[in-house]
Amino acid sequence: MGLWQRFTLIFKAKASQALDKAEDPRQTLDYSYERQLEMLTKVRRGVADVATSRKRVEMQLTQLTTQQQKLSEQAQKAIDMGREDLAREALTRKSGLTAQVTDLQGQVAQLQGEEEKLTNAARQLQAKVDAFRTRKETIKATYTAAEAQTKINEAFSGISTEMGDVGQAIQRAEDKTAQMQARAGAIDELLASGALDEPGATNNGDDIARELAAMSTESDVESELAQLKAKSTAGELPAASTEAEQPSNVTQLPADQPKPSD
C-alpha cells in the first residue's frame, strides 16, 4: 500500500468517525421524512399535470364531436334542400374530423391510464410516508429515552464527561486549598520563629517583647530567691530568740560607775 493510499484510508477513517459522532439519528430521520414528502409532492403535482392534460384533450374532443354533429345536421339540411354537393362537402369535413376524434380519444385513454398509475403511486407513497412518519417518531422517542437514561446512568456512575470535569475541578480546588493552608501554616511558624526577618533589620516590636520577656523572667527569679531567703531567715530566728531570753550571771554596772578595787 502506497503512502497516498494509506493517507487516504486514514483520512476516511477519521472523517467517518467524526461524522458518526456528529450524526444525530433523529435529525437524519427528519431529513429523510422531508425528502419523502418532497417526492410525494412531486408525484401529486405529476398527477395534477396529467389530469390537466387529460381535461384539455377531453375539451378538444368535445369540440370536435360537436363539430361532427353540426356537420351531420348541415348535410341533412343540404339533402333536404336538394343540395347534394353541399351535403357531400359537409360529410367530407366530418370524415376529416373523425380521424382527429379517434386520435384524441386514444390520447384521453392514455392520459387516463397514466393518471390512474400516478394516483395509485401517490396513494402507495402516501401510505409509505405515513408509515415512515409513525416509525420515525417511535424511533426518535426510543432514542431520546435511551439517551436520557444513558446520561442519568453516567451521572450516577460519575463516568460522564461533564461529571468527570466537575470531579476534577473539585479535586483541584481541594488540593489548592490544602496547599494554601499548609503554606499559611508554614509562614506563621516562620514568622513566629523570626526566620523570615531581613538580615540587619531591626524590629522594635520584637526587641521590646524580648526585653519584656527577659525582665519578666528576671523578676520571677528574684521573687523566688527572696522567698527562699525569707524561709531561711525564718528558720534561724527561733534559735536567736532562745539565747536572748537566758539570764546573764554577770552584773552589768553602769558605765560611769568605777569598778570596786580588790
Protein backbone atom coordinates (compact mmCIF):
# COMPACT_ATOMS: atom_id res chain seq x y z
CA MET A 1 0.00 0.00 0.00
CA GLY A 2 1.40 3.33 -1.04
CA LEU A 3 1.82 6.38 1.14
CA TRP A 4 -1.04 8.23 -0.55
CA GLN A 5 -3.38 5.27 -0.19
CA ARG A 6 -2.57 4.99 3.49
CA PHE A 7 -3.14 8.70 3.95
CA THR A 8 -6.49 8.46 2.14
CA LEU A 9 -7.54 5.47 4.23
CA ILE A 10 -6.64 7.23 7.49
CA PHE A 11 -8.44 10.38 6.40
CA LYS A 12 -11.57 8.43 5.50
CA ALA A 13 -11.48 6.56 8.81
CA LYS A 14 -11.09 9.78 10.81
CA ALA A 15 -13.80 11.50 8.79
CA SER A 16 -16.16 8.56 9.25
CA GLN A 17 -15.53 8.55 13.00
CA ALA A 18 -16.09 12.31 13.24
CA LEU A 19 -19.29 12.09 11.21
CA ASP A 20 -20.52 9.19 13.32
CA LYS A 21 -20.05 11.26 16.47
CA ALA A 22 -21.69 14.33 14.93
CA GLU A 23 -24.61 12.42 13.42
CA ASP A 24 -27.90 12.55 15.27
CA PRO A 25 -30.29 9.76 14.15
CA ARG A 26 -33.28 11.98 14.91
CA GLN A 27 -32.07 14.67 12.52
CA THR A 28 -31.35 12.05 9.88
CA LEU A 29 -34.86 10.62 10.20
CA ASP A 30 -36.41 14.07 9.98
CA TYR A 31 -34.38 14.83 6.86
CA SER A 32 -35.44 11.53 5.25
CA TYR A 33 -39.06 12.28 6.07
CA GLU A 34 -38.76 15.71 4.47
CA ARG A 35 -37.29 14.17 1.32
CA GLN A 36 -40.16 11.67 1.13
CA LEU A 37 -42.66 14.50 1.50
CA GLU A 38 -40.93 16.29 -1.37
CA MET A 39 -41.20 13.17 -3.53
CA LEU A 40 -44.87 12.80 -2.61
CA THR A 41 -45.46 16.43 -3.56
CA LYS A 42 -43.80 15.87 -6.95
CA VAL A 43 -45.95 12.77 -7.61
CA ARG A 44 -49.09 14.68 -6.71
CA ARG A 45 -48.02 17.52 -8.96
CA GLY A 46 -47.49 14.99 -11.74
CA VAL A 47 -50.99 13.60 -11.19
CA ALA A 48 -52.39 17.13 -11.39
CA ASP A 49 -50.45 17.83 -14.61
CA VAL A 50 -51.68 14.61 -16.24
CA ALA A 51 -55.24 15.34 -15.15
CA THR A 52 -54.96 18.84 -16.62
CA SER A 53 -53.70 17.46 -19.92
CA ARG A 54 -56.47 14.88 -20.00
CA LYS A 55 -59.04 17.55 -19.31
CA ARG A 56 -57.67 19.70 -22.14
CA VAL A 57 -57.78 16.79 -24.60
CA GLU A 58 -61.31 15.93 -23.47
CA MET A 59 -62.34 19.54 -24.14
CA GLN A 60 -60.85 19.33 -27.66
CA LEU A 61 -62.61 16.01 -28.18
CA THR A 62 -65.90 17.56 -27.10
CA GLN A 63 -65.42 20.41 -29.53
CA LEU A 64 -64.66 18.04 -32.41
CA THR A 65 -67.65 15.88 -31.53
CA THR A 66 -69.84 18.97 -31.52
CA GLN A 67 -68.49 19.96 -34.93
CA GLN A 68 -69.18 16.46 -36.26
CA GLN A 69 -72.79 16.68 -35.08
CA LYS A 70 -73.11 20.12 -36.63
CA LEU A 71 -71.73 18.89 -39.99
CA SER A 72 -74.13 15.95 -39.90
CA GLU A 73 -77.02 18.34 -39.36
CA GLN A 74 -75.79 20.57 -42.20
CA ALA A 75 -75.52 17.57 -44.55
CA GLN A 76 -79.07 16.56 -43.66
CA LYS A 77 -80.35 20.07 -44.38
CA ALA A 78 -78.46 20.15 -47.69
CA ILE A 79 -80.13 16.87 -48.71
CA ASP A 80 -83.49 18.25 -47.70
CA MET A 81 -82.84 21.31 -49.86
CA GLY A 82 -81.69 19.16 -52.77
CA ARG A 83 -78.11 20.31 -52.47
CA GLU A 84 -76.26 17.06 -52.67
CA ASP A 85 -72.98 18.86 -53.34
CA LEU A 86 -73.20 20.73 -50.04
CA ALA A 87 -74.15 17.54 -48.24
CA ARG A 88 -71.11 15.79 -49.72
CA GLU A 89 -68.83 18.67 -48.61
CA ALA A 90 -70.21 18.55 -45.07
CA LEU A 91 -69.76 14.79 -44.84
CA THR A 92 -66.19 15.12 -46.18
CA ARG A 93 -65.32 17.58 -43.42
CA LYS A 94 -66.99 15.32 -40.91
CA SER A 95 -64.86 12.44 -42.12
CA GLY A 96 -61.71 14.52 -41.59
CA LEU A 97 -62.77 15.28 -38.03
CA THR A 98 -63.42 11.61 -37.36
CA ALA A 99 -59.70 10.82 -37.59
CA GLN A 100 -58.89 13.63 -35.13
CA VAL A 101 -61.62 12.46 -32.78
CA THR A 102 -60.23 8.94 -32.87
CA ASP A 103 -56.73 10.27 -32.15
CA LEU A 104 -57.97 12.42 -29.26
CA GLN A 105 -59.92 9.52 -27.83
CA GLY A 106 -56.71 7.47 -27.82
CA GLN A 107 -54.88 10.30 -26.06
CA VAL A 108 -57.62 10.59 -23.49
CA ALA A 109 -57.46 6.86 -22.76
CA GLN A 110 -53.69 7.01 -22.49
CA LEU A 111 -53.78 10.02 -20.16
CA GLN A 112 -56.43 8.34 -18.06
CA GLY A 113 -54.16 5.30 -17.70
CA GLU A 114 -51.20 7.49 -16.70
CA GLU A 115 -53.37 9.40 -14.28
CA GLU A 116 -54.56 6.19 -12.65
CA LYS A 117 -51.00 4.89 -12.35
CA LEU A 118 -49.78 8.13 -10.79
CA THR A 119 -52.77 8.25 -8.49
CA ASN A 120 -52.09 4.70 -7.28
CA ALA A 121 -48.41 5.54 -6.89
CA ALA A 122 -49.33 8.63 -4.89
CA ARG A 123 -51.58 6.57 -2.64
CA GLN A 124 -48.87 3.95 -2.08
CA LEU A 125 -46.25 6.61 -1.46
CA GLN A 126 -48.59 8.39 0.94
CA ALA A 127 -49.07 5.15 2.85
CA LYS A 128 -45.30 4.60 2.99
CA VAL A 129 -44.71 8.16 4.13
CA ASP A 130 -47.32 7.81 6.86
CA ALA A 131 -45.81 4.51 8.00
CA PHE A 132 -42.33 6.02 7.93
CA ARG A 133 -43.52 9.01 9.94
CA THR A 134 -45.00 6.71 12.60
CA ARG A 135 -41.84 4.64 12.74
CA LYS A 136 -39.70 7.77 12.76
CA GLU A 137 -41.49 9.20 15.77
CA THR A 138 -41.24 5.87 17.56
CA ILE A 139 -37.50 5.62 16.89
CA LYS A 140 -36.97 9.22 17.94
CA ALA A 141 -38.86 8.69 21.18
CA THR A 142 -36.92 5.50 21.90
CA TYR A 143 -33.59 7.14 21.09
CA THR A 144 -34.40 10.16 23.27
CA ALA A 145 -35.38 7.91 26.17
CA ALA A 146 -32.22 5.82 25.76
CA GLU A 147 -30.08 8.95 25.57
CA ALA A 148 -31.66 10.36 28.73
CA GLN A 149 -31.22 7.04 30.53
CA THR A 150 -27.59 6.87 29.46
CA LYS A 151 -26.90 10.37 30.74
CA ILE A 152 -28.61 9.57 34.03
CA ASN A 153 -26.58 6.37 34.44
CA GLU A 154 -23.37 8.20 33.56
CA ALA A 155 -24.23 10.91 36.07
CA PHE A 156 -24.83 8.33 38.81
CA SER A 157 -21.67 6.42 37.96
CA GLY A 158 -19.62 9.58 37.52
CA ILE A 159 -18.14 8.49 34.18
CA SER A 160 -19.71 11.18 32.03
CA THR A 161 -17.52 13.92 30.62
CA GLU A 162 -19.36 16.67 32.49
CA MET A 163 -19.25 14.85 35.81
CA GLY A 164 -15.61 13.96 35.22
CA ASP A 165 -14.75 17.60 34.62
CA VAL A 166 -16.67 18.65 37.72
CA GLY A 167 -14.94 15.98 39.79
CA GLN A 168 -11.53 17.07 38.54
CA ALA A 169 -12.34 20.70 39.26
CA ILE A 170 -13.40 19.83 42.81
CA GLN A 171 -10.25 17.77 43.33
CA ARG A 172 -8.07 20.61 42.05
CA ALA A 173 -9.86 23.08 44.33
CA GLU A 174 -9.36 20.81 47.35
CA ASP A 175 -5.68 20.32 46.51
CA LYS A 176 -5.11 24.05 46.13
CA THR A 177 -6.96 24.75 49.38
CA ALA A 178 -4.85 22.22 51.25
CA GLN A 179 -1.69 23.66 49.68
CA MET A 180 -2.64 27.21 50.67
CA GLN A 181 -3.46 26.11 54.21
CA ALA A 182 -0.12 24.34 54.52
CA ARG A 183 1.69 27.39 53.13
CA ALA A 184 -0.12 29.74 55.53
CA GLY A 185 0.76 27.49 58.49
CA ALA A 186 4.42 27.32 57.46
CA ILE A 187 4.62 31.10 57.07
CA ASP A 188 3.05 31.57 60.52
CA GLU A 189 5.66 29.27 62.04
CA LEU A 190 8.50 31.05 60.24
CA LEU A 191 7.19 34.45 61.32
CA ALA A 192 6.94 33.28 64.92
CA SER A 193 10.50 31.97 64.87
CA GLY A 194 11.85 35.12 63.24
CA ALA A 195 13.32 33.16 60.34
CA LEU A 196 11.73 35.48 57.81
CA ASP A 197 13.25 38.66 59.34
CA GLU A 198 15.53 40.52 56.97
CA PRO A 199 19.24 40.43 57.85
CA GLY A 200 20.34 43.65 59.63
CA ALA A 201 16.80 44.85 60.02
CA THR A 202 15.67 45.91 63.49
CA ASN A 203 12.29 45.11 64.75
CA ASN A 204 11.44 47.37 67.67
CA GLY A 205 8.33 45.42 68.50
CA ASP A 206 10.26 42.12 68.73
CA ASP A 207 13.11 43.72 70.76
CA ILE A 208 10.69 45.20 73.25
CA ALA A 209 8.89 41.90 73.51
CA ARG A 210 12.14 40.08 74.15
CA GLU A 211 13.20 42.65 76.77
CA LEU A 212 9.85 42.40 78.49
CA ALA A 213 10.12 38.63 78.47
CA ALA A 214 13.66 38.83 79.93
CA MET A 215 12.53 41.27 82.63
CA SER A 216 9.62 39.05 83.48
CA THR A 217 11.91 36.06 83.80
CA GLU A 218 14.40 38.02 85.93
CA SER A 219 11.61 39.29 88.16
CA ASP A 220 10.35 35.76 88.65
CA VAL A 221 13.85 34.62 89.58
CA GLU A 222 14.34 37.47 92.10
CA SER A 223 10.93 36.82 93.63
CA GLU A 224 11.62 33.14 94.07
CA LEU A 225 15.08 33.93 95.52
CA ALA A 226 13.52 36.34 98.04
CA GLN A 227 11.04 33.65 99.09
CA LEU A 228 13.89 31.21 99.66
CA LYS A 229 15.78 33.76 101.73
CA ALA A 230 12.69 34.52 103.78
CA LYS A 231 12.23 30.85 104.54
CA SER A 232 15.88 30.55 105.56
CA THR A 233 15.68 33.60 107.82
CA ALA A 234 12.50 32.34 109.44
CA GLY A 235 14.33 29.11 110.39
CA GLU A 236 17.20 30.90 112.14
CA LEU A 237 15.12 33.36 114.24
CA PRO A 238 13.87 30.92 116.94
CA ALA A 239 17.43 29.94 117.95
CA ALA A 240 18.48 33.55 118.32
CA SER A 241 15.44 34.33 120.50
CA THR A 242 16.25 31.47 122.89
CA GLU A 243 19.74 32.73 123.52
CA ALA A 244 18.42 36.20 124.22
CA GLU A 245 15.92 35.01 126.88
CA GLN A 246 18.55 33.18 129.05
CA PRO A 247 19.52 35.33 132.26
CA SER A 248 23.08 36.55 132.40
CA ASN A 249 25.09 35.95 135.64
CA VAL A 250 27.24 38.93 135.04
CA THR A 251 26.03 42.04 136.74
CA GLN A 252 26.37 44.87 134.44
CA LEU A 253 27.39 48.09 136.09
CA PRO A 254 26.68 51.46 134.94
CA ALA A 255 29.18 52.73 132.54
CA ASP A 256 30.11 55.76 134.67
CA GLN A 257 30.49 53.82 137.96
CA PRO A 258 34.06 52.75 138.82
CA LYS A 259 34.81 49.15 139.35
CA PRO A 260 35.48 48.09 143.04
CA SER A 261 39.08 47.50 143.88
CA ASP A 262 40.19 44.15 145.15
